[in-house]
Protein backbone atom coordinates (compact mmCIF):
# COMPACT_ATOMS: atom_id res chain seq x y z
CA UNK A 1 -9.28 -10.85 -4.18
CA UNK A 2 -9.40 -14.38 -2.83
CA UNK A 3 -7.56 -15.65 0.24
CA UNK A 4 -6.33 -19.24 -0.08
CA UNK A 5 -4.67 -21.54 2.43
CA UNK A 6 -1.97 -23.78 0.95
CA UNK A 7 0.03 -26.54 2.56
CA UNK A 8 2.95 -28.79 1.66
CA UNK A 9 5.02 -31.41 3.42
CA UNK A 10 7.27 -28.71 4.91
CA UNK A 11 5.17 -25.54 5.09
CA UNK A 12 1.79 -23.96 5.77
CA UNK A 13 0.84 -20.63 4.26
CA UNK A 14 -1.90 -18.20 3.33
CA UNK A 15 -1.81 -16.33 0.03
CA UNK A 16 -4.02 -13.76 -1.67
CA UNK A 17 -4.94 -14.28 -5.30
CA UNK A 18 -5.40 -10.75 -6.63
CA UNK A 19 -6.75 -11.03 -10.18
CA UNK A 20 -7.50 -7.28 -10.33
CA UNK A 21 -3.74 -6.54 -10.13
CA UNK A 22 -2.60 -9.89 -11.58
CA UNK A 23 -0.49 -10.80 -8.56
CA UNK A 24 -0.19 -13.37 -5.80
CA UNK A 25 0.84 -12.14 -2.35
CA UNK A 26 2.10 -14.33 0.47
CA UNK A 27 0.24 -13.26 3.63
CA UNK A 28 1.69 -15.78 6.08
CA UNK A 29 4.23 -18.61 6.00
CA UNK A 30 5.28 -21.22 8.54
CA UNK A 31 7.86 -23.97 8.22
CA UNK A 32 11.31 -24.61 6.77
CA UNK A 33 10.10 -25.43 3.26
CA UNK A 34 10.95 -22.27 1.35
CA UNK A 35 11.70 -24.06 -1.92
CA UNK A 36 8.51 -26.12 -1.77
CA UNK A 37 6.55 -22.94 -1.06
CA UNK A 38 8.19 -21.13 -3.97
CA UNK A 39 7.39 -23.97 -6.37
CA UNK A 40 3.78 -24.04 -5.15
CA UNK A 41 3.39 -20.27 -5.55
CA UNK A 42 4.86 -20.30 -9.05
CA UNK A 43 2.53 -23.10 -10.12
CA UNK A 44 -0.48 -21.37 -8.59
CA UNK A 45 0.41 -18.04 -10.23
CA UNK A 46 0.73 -19.68 -13.62
CA UNK A 47 -2.53 -21.56 -13.12
CA UNK A 48 -4.33 -18.32 -12.21
CA UNK A 49 -2.51 -16.38 -14.99
CA UNK A 50 -0.95 -13.92 -12.52
CA UNK A 51 2.07 -11.87 -13.55
CA UNK A 52 3.78 -11.25 -10.20
CA UNK A 53 4.42 -12.88 -6.80
CA UNK A 54 5.04 -10.72 -3.71
CA UNK A 55 6.51 -12.11 -0.50
CA UNK A 56 7.30 -9.94 2.53
CA UNK A 57 9.93 -11.79 4.53
CA UNK A 58 10.78 -10.84 8.12
CA UNK A 59 14.39 -10.08 8.97
CA UNK A 60 14.15 -12.85 11.56
CA UNK A 61 13.72 -15.35 8.71
CA UNK A 62 15.85 -13.43 6.23
CA UNK A 63 19.28 -15.13 6.38
CA UNK A 64 17.98 -18.50 5.20
CA UNK A 65 14.91 -17.36 3.29
CA UNK A 66 16.46 -14.51 1.31
CA UNK A 67 19.18 -16.66 -0.22
CA UNK A 68 16.67 -19.29 -1.34
CA UNK A 69 14.32 -16.65 -2.78
CA UNK A 70 17.15 -14.97 -4.68
CA UNK A 71 18.30 -18.29 -6.13
CA UNK A 72 14.71 -18.85 -7.29
CA UNK A 73 14.66 -15.53 -9.16
CA UNK A 74 13.11 -13.20 -6.57
CA UNK A 75 14.44 -9.65 -6.22
CA UNK A 76 14.20 -7.38 -3.20
CA UNK A 77 12.19 -4.31 -4.21
CA UNK A 78 12.39 -2.60 -0.83
CA UNK A 79 11.82 -2.94 2.89
CA UNK A 80 9.42 -1.75 5.60
CA UNK A 81 11.02 -1.23 9.04
CA UNK A 82 8.99 -2.65 11.94
CA UNK A 83 6.37 -4.32 9.72
CA UNK A 84 6.26 -7.64 11.62
CA UNK A 85 5.70 -6.68 15.28
CA UNK A 86 8.86 -4.59 15.20
CA UNK A 87 10.80 -6.85 12.83
CA UNK A 88 11.60 -5.36 9.41
CA UNK A 89 9.96 -6.75 6.28
CA UNK A 90 12.04 -7.37 3.16
CA UNK A 91 9.77 -6.84 0.15
CA UNK A 92 10.57 -9.57 -2.37
CA UNK A 93 9.05 -10.04 -5.81
CA UNK A 94 9.14 -12.64 -8.56
CA UNK A 95 7.95 -11.78 -12.06
CA UNK A 96 6.07 -14.67 -13.61
CA UNK A 97 5.72 -12.38 -16.62
CA UNK A 98 9.28 -11.12 -17.32
CA UNK A 99 7.97 -8.09 -19.25
CA UNK A 100 6.32 -6.85 -16.07
CA UNK A 101 9.75 -6.30 -14.50
CA UNK A 102 10.44 -3.59 -17.09
CA UNK A 103 9.30 0.01 -16.95
CA UNK A 104 9.88 3.00 -19.22
CA UNK A 105 9.37 5.40 -16.31
CA UNK A 106 12.30 4.64 -13.98
CA UNK A 107 14.37 7.68 -15.02
CA UNK A 108 11.44 10.09 -14.82
CA UNK A 109 10.37 8.72 -11.44
CA UNK A 110 13.90 9.01 -10.08
CA UNK A 111 13.93 12.69 -11.01
CA UNK A 112 10.66 13.17 -9.14
CA UNK A 113 12.07 11.39 -6.08
CA UNK A 114 15.26 13.50 -6.17
CA UNK A 115 13.19 16.69 -6.37
CA UNK A 116 10.99 15.59 -3.47
CA UNK A 117 13.98 14.79 -1.28
CA UNK A 118 15.82 17.99 -2.19
CA UNK A 119 14.04 19.57 0.77
CA UNK A 120 16.58 19.05 3.55
CA UNK A 121 14.02 19.52 6.32
CA UNK A 122 11.43 16.70 6.24
CA UNK A 123 8.69 16.89 8.83
CA UNK A 124 7.49 20.27 7.58
CA UNK A 125 3.69 20.18 7.18
CA UNK A 126 1.30 21.99 4.88
CA UNK A 127 -1.02 24.83 5.90
CA UNK A 128 -3.77 23.99 8.40
CA UNK A 129 -7.18 22.87 7.17
CA UNK A 130 -9.07 25.87 5.70
CA UNK A 131 -11.71 27.25 8.06
CA UNK A 132 -14.60 26.48 5.68
CA UNK A 133 -13.78 22.75 5.66
CA UNK A 134 -14.32 20.00 8.25
CA UNK A 135 -12.62 16.64 8.73
CA UNK A 136 -13.99 13.57 10.47
CA UNK A 137 -13.95 9.77 10.58
CA UNK A 138 -16.19 8.26 7.90
CA UNK A 139 -18.90 5.81 8.94
CA UNK A 140 -20.94 3.24 7.03
CA UNK A 141 -23.54 5.84 6.09
CA UNK A 142 -20.77 7.68 4.20
CA UNK A 143 -19.96 4.69 1.98
CA UNK A 144 -22.07 5.91 -0.94
CA UNK A 145 -20.36 9.32 -0.94
CA UNK A 146 -16.97 7.60 -0.70
CA UNK A 147 -17.67 5.42 -3.74
CA UNK A 148 -18.84 8.48 -5.66
CA UNK A 149 -15.58 10.28 -4.82
CA UNK A 150 -13.37 7.39 -5.96
CA UNK A 151 -15.37 6.81 -9.15
CA UNK A 152 -15.04 10.50 -10.02
CA UNK A 153 -11.25 10.38 -9.73
CA UNK A 154 -10.11 6.89 -10.80
CA UNK A 155 -10.86 4.95 -13.97
CA UNK A 156 -9.78 1.76 -12.20
CA UNK A 157 -8.40 1.02 -8.73
CA UNK A 158 -6.30 -1.78 -7.16
CA UNK A 159 -8.95 -2.65 -4.54
CA UNK A 160 -12.78 -2.80 -4.79
CA UNK A 161 -13.41 0.77 -3.65
CA UNK A 162 -16.23 1.17 -6.15
CA UNK A 163 -18.23 -1.40 -4.14
CA UNK A 164 -20.34 0.03 -1.29
CA UNK A 165 -20.75 -3.36 0.37
CA UNK A 166 -16.98 -3.92 0.40
CA UNK A 167 -16.32 -0.52 1.96
CA UNK A 168 -18.86 -1.11 4.71
CA UNK A 169 -17.35 -4.52 5.41
CA UNK A 170 -13.77 -3.29 5.84
CA UNK A 171 -14.95 -0.34 7.94
CA UNK A 172 -16.37 -2.86 10.42
CA UNK A 173 -13.17 -4.89 10.66
CA UNK A 174 -9.83 -3.15 10.14
CA UNK A 175 -9.95 0.08 8.10
CA UNK A 176 -10.38 3.68 9.24
CA UNK A 177 -11.55 6.13 6.56
CA UNK A 178 -11.12 9.87 7.10
CA UNK A 179 -12.89 12.50 4.99
CA UNK A 180 -12.83 16.24 4.38
CA UNK A 181 -16.15 17.99 3.75
CA UNK A 182 -17.17 21.31 2.25
CA UNK A 183 -20.77 22.27 3.04
CA UNK A 184 -21.58 18.62 3.69
CA UNK A 185 -20.01 17.45 0.41
CA UNK A 186 -17.14 14.93 0.57
CA UNK A 187 -14.19 16.41 -1.32
CA UNK A 188 -11.23 14.30 -0.09
CA UNK A 189 -10.64 11.01 1.71
CA UNK A 190 -8.03 8.48 2.74
CA UNK A 191 -7.70 5.39 4.89
CA UNK A 192 -5.51 3.46 7.31
CA UNK A 193 -5.71 -0.29 6.69
CA UNK A 194 -4.59 -2.01 9.90
CA UNK A 195 -2.85 -5.35 10.29
CA UNK A 196 -3.76 -5.94 13.92
CA UNK A 197 -1.67 -9.10 14.18
CA UNK A 198 1.60 -7.53 13.08
CA UNK A 199 0.81 -4.01 14.42
CA UNK A 200 1.21 -2.09 11.18
CA UNK A 201 -1.05 0.04 8.99
CA UNK A 202 -1.02 0.99 5.33
CA UNK A 203 -1.89 4.64 4.73
CA UNK A 204 -3.76 4.46 1.46
CA UNK A 205 -6.74 5.37 -0.75
CA UNK A 206 -5.96 9.11 -0.70
CA UNK A 207 -8.06 11.07 -3.17
CA UNK A 208 -9.03 14.73 -3.57
CA UNK A 209 -11.47 16.18 -6.05
CA UNK A 210 -9.60 18.25 -8.68
CA UNK A 211 -11.27 21.53 -7.73
CA UNK A 212 -10.17 21.09 -4.09
CA UNK A 213 -6.50 20.29 -4.68
CA UNK A 214 -3.62 22.50 -3.57
CA UNK A 215 -4.94 23.01 -0.03
CA UNK A 216 -2.96 20.28 1.72
CA UNK A 217 -6.04 18.12 2.32
CA UNK A 218 -4.09 14.88 1.88
CA UNK A 219 -1.70 16.00 4.60
CA UNK A 220 -4.59 16.84 6.95
CA UNK A 221 -6.09 13.39 6.34
CA UNK A 222 -2.78 11.61 6.97
CA UNK A 223 -2.22 13.53 10.21
CA UNK A 224 -5.72 12.66 11.44
CA UNK A 225 -5.19 8.99 10.57
CA UNK A 226 -1.84 9.00 12.38
CA UNK A 227 -3.62 10.18 15.53
CA UNK A 228 -6.00 7.21 15.18
CA UNK A 229 -3.04 4.82 14.85
CA UNK A 230 -1.34 6.28 17.91
CA UNK A 231 -4.56 5.67 19.87
CA UNK A 232 -4.67 2.07 18.56
CA UNK A 233 -0.96 1.57 19.42
CA UNK A 234 -0.03 0.80 15.82
CA UNK A 235 3.63 1.92 15.59
CA UNK A 236 4.51 1.00 11.99
CA UNK A 237 3.00 3.03 9.15
CA UNK A 238 3.72 2.60 5.46
CA UNK A 239 2.32 3.77 2.16
CA UNK A 240 2.62 2.57 -1.42
CA UNK A 241 2.42 5.71 -3.56
CA UNK A 242 2.24 6.21 -7.32
CA UNK A 243 5.86 6.88 -8.23
CA UNK A 244 4.93 9.30 -11.01
CA UNK A 245 2.85 11.66 -8.83
CA UNK A 246 5.11 14.32 -7.23
CA UNK A 247 2.52 15.73 -4.81
CA UNK A 248 1.71 12.34 -3.25
CA UNK A 249 5.37 11.55 -2.61
CA UNK A 250 6.15 15.06 -1.39
CA UNK A 251 3.29 14.98 1.11
CA UNK A 252 4.63 11.84 2.77
CA UNK A 253 8.20 13.12 2.81
CA UNK A 254 7.13 16.34 4.52
CA UNK A 255 5.36 14.30 7.20
CA UNK A 256 8.56 12.45 8.03
CA UNK A 257 8.07 9.27 6.00
CA UNK A 258 11.21 7.62 4.57
CA UNK A 259 11.63 6.22 1.07
CA UNK A 260 12.27 2.47 1.23
CA UNK A 261 12.16 1.21 -2.37
CA UNK A 262 9.83 0.66 -5.32
CA UNK A 263 7.29 -2.03 -6.25
CA UNK A 264 7.53 -2.36 -10.03
CA UNK A 265 4.29 -2.46 -12.06
CA UNK A 266 2.49 -3.30 -8.87
CA UNK A 267 -1.00 -1.82 -9.06
CA UNK A 268 -3.58 -1.39 -11.81
CA UNK A 269 -4.73 2.22 -11.55
CA UNK A 270 -6.51 4.31 -14.18
CA UNK A 271 -6.25 1.53 -16.73
CA UNK A 272 -2.50 0.79 -16.42
CA UNK A 273 0.03 -0.91 -14.15
CA UNK A 274 2.01 1.63 -12.16
CA UNK A 275 5.22 1.60 -10.14
CA UNK A 276 4.62 2.28 -6.45
CA UNK A 277 7.16 3.93 -4.16
CA UNK A 278 7.40 2.47 -0.66
CA UNK A 279 7.41 5.01 2.19
CA UNK A 280 7.41 4.20 5.90
CA UNK A 281 7.27 5.92 9.29
CA UNK A 282 7.61 4.74 12.87
CA UNK A 283 5.35 6.45 15.42
């Protein structure tokens, strides 16, 4: 991923060029020049051969910005309440590659979502962590074990989690990793990626070794990460979850997260683009 500053006569912005997931994401935008920004992003995406543009727009800017984005072919895939220092984010997307806006899995994923939300009492948690397991914050010396865990589970991943140097770098700056151990062996992990400027955190990178699944370890990790975010006064949590994985969506629902929409063909995981459900929670 490469961060790039772009500027026009009526705007200044920062975007991320994400070749791994073939997408361009607007990270910041200042100025009245929405149309000039859109034209610049489309040109840049085509130049870099990226299939999708993502732009989270604050509700404060929404009345003017949303209409211009819609006229330019953007669609709103969802929202995240409180994303921008308490202001909601409207999650807009433009498909440079029109085929990427299509998915054969919408009906199946809707059935999964309906089944998950059939439980009328969200907020119900899984069983406590088994007595033979321990959970703790992961440090730089755990990076090798973390990479080994992710490589064992995923064929490909949307971010460079197979890179020890990358993991150590983000640990130093803005990401908490939490891990579950059995006899000193890392069997599950997850992270909270903080946006310290906007006071939000993405709950992400959850993974459990196959032989350790079914014990609610993902839930234990999320609860521990939530405690970290409370201590850091990060009130807005969200997670982008594989729409076709019932357990991942059910775990968030039971912890009181709310479904907010779907990013279509958003992330390249295990060799394919996958739809990602948007879940959010306010602490």
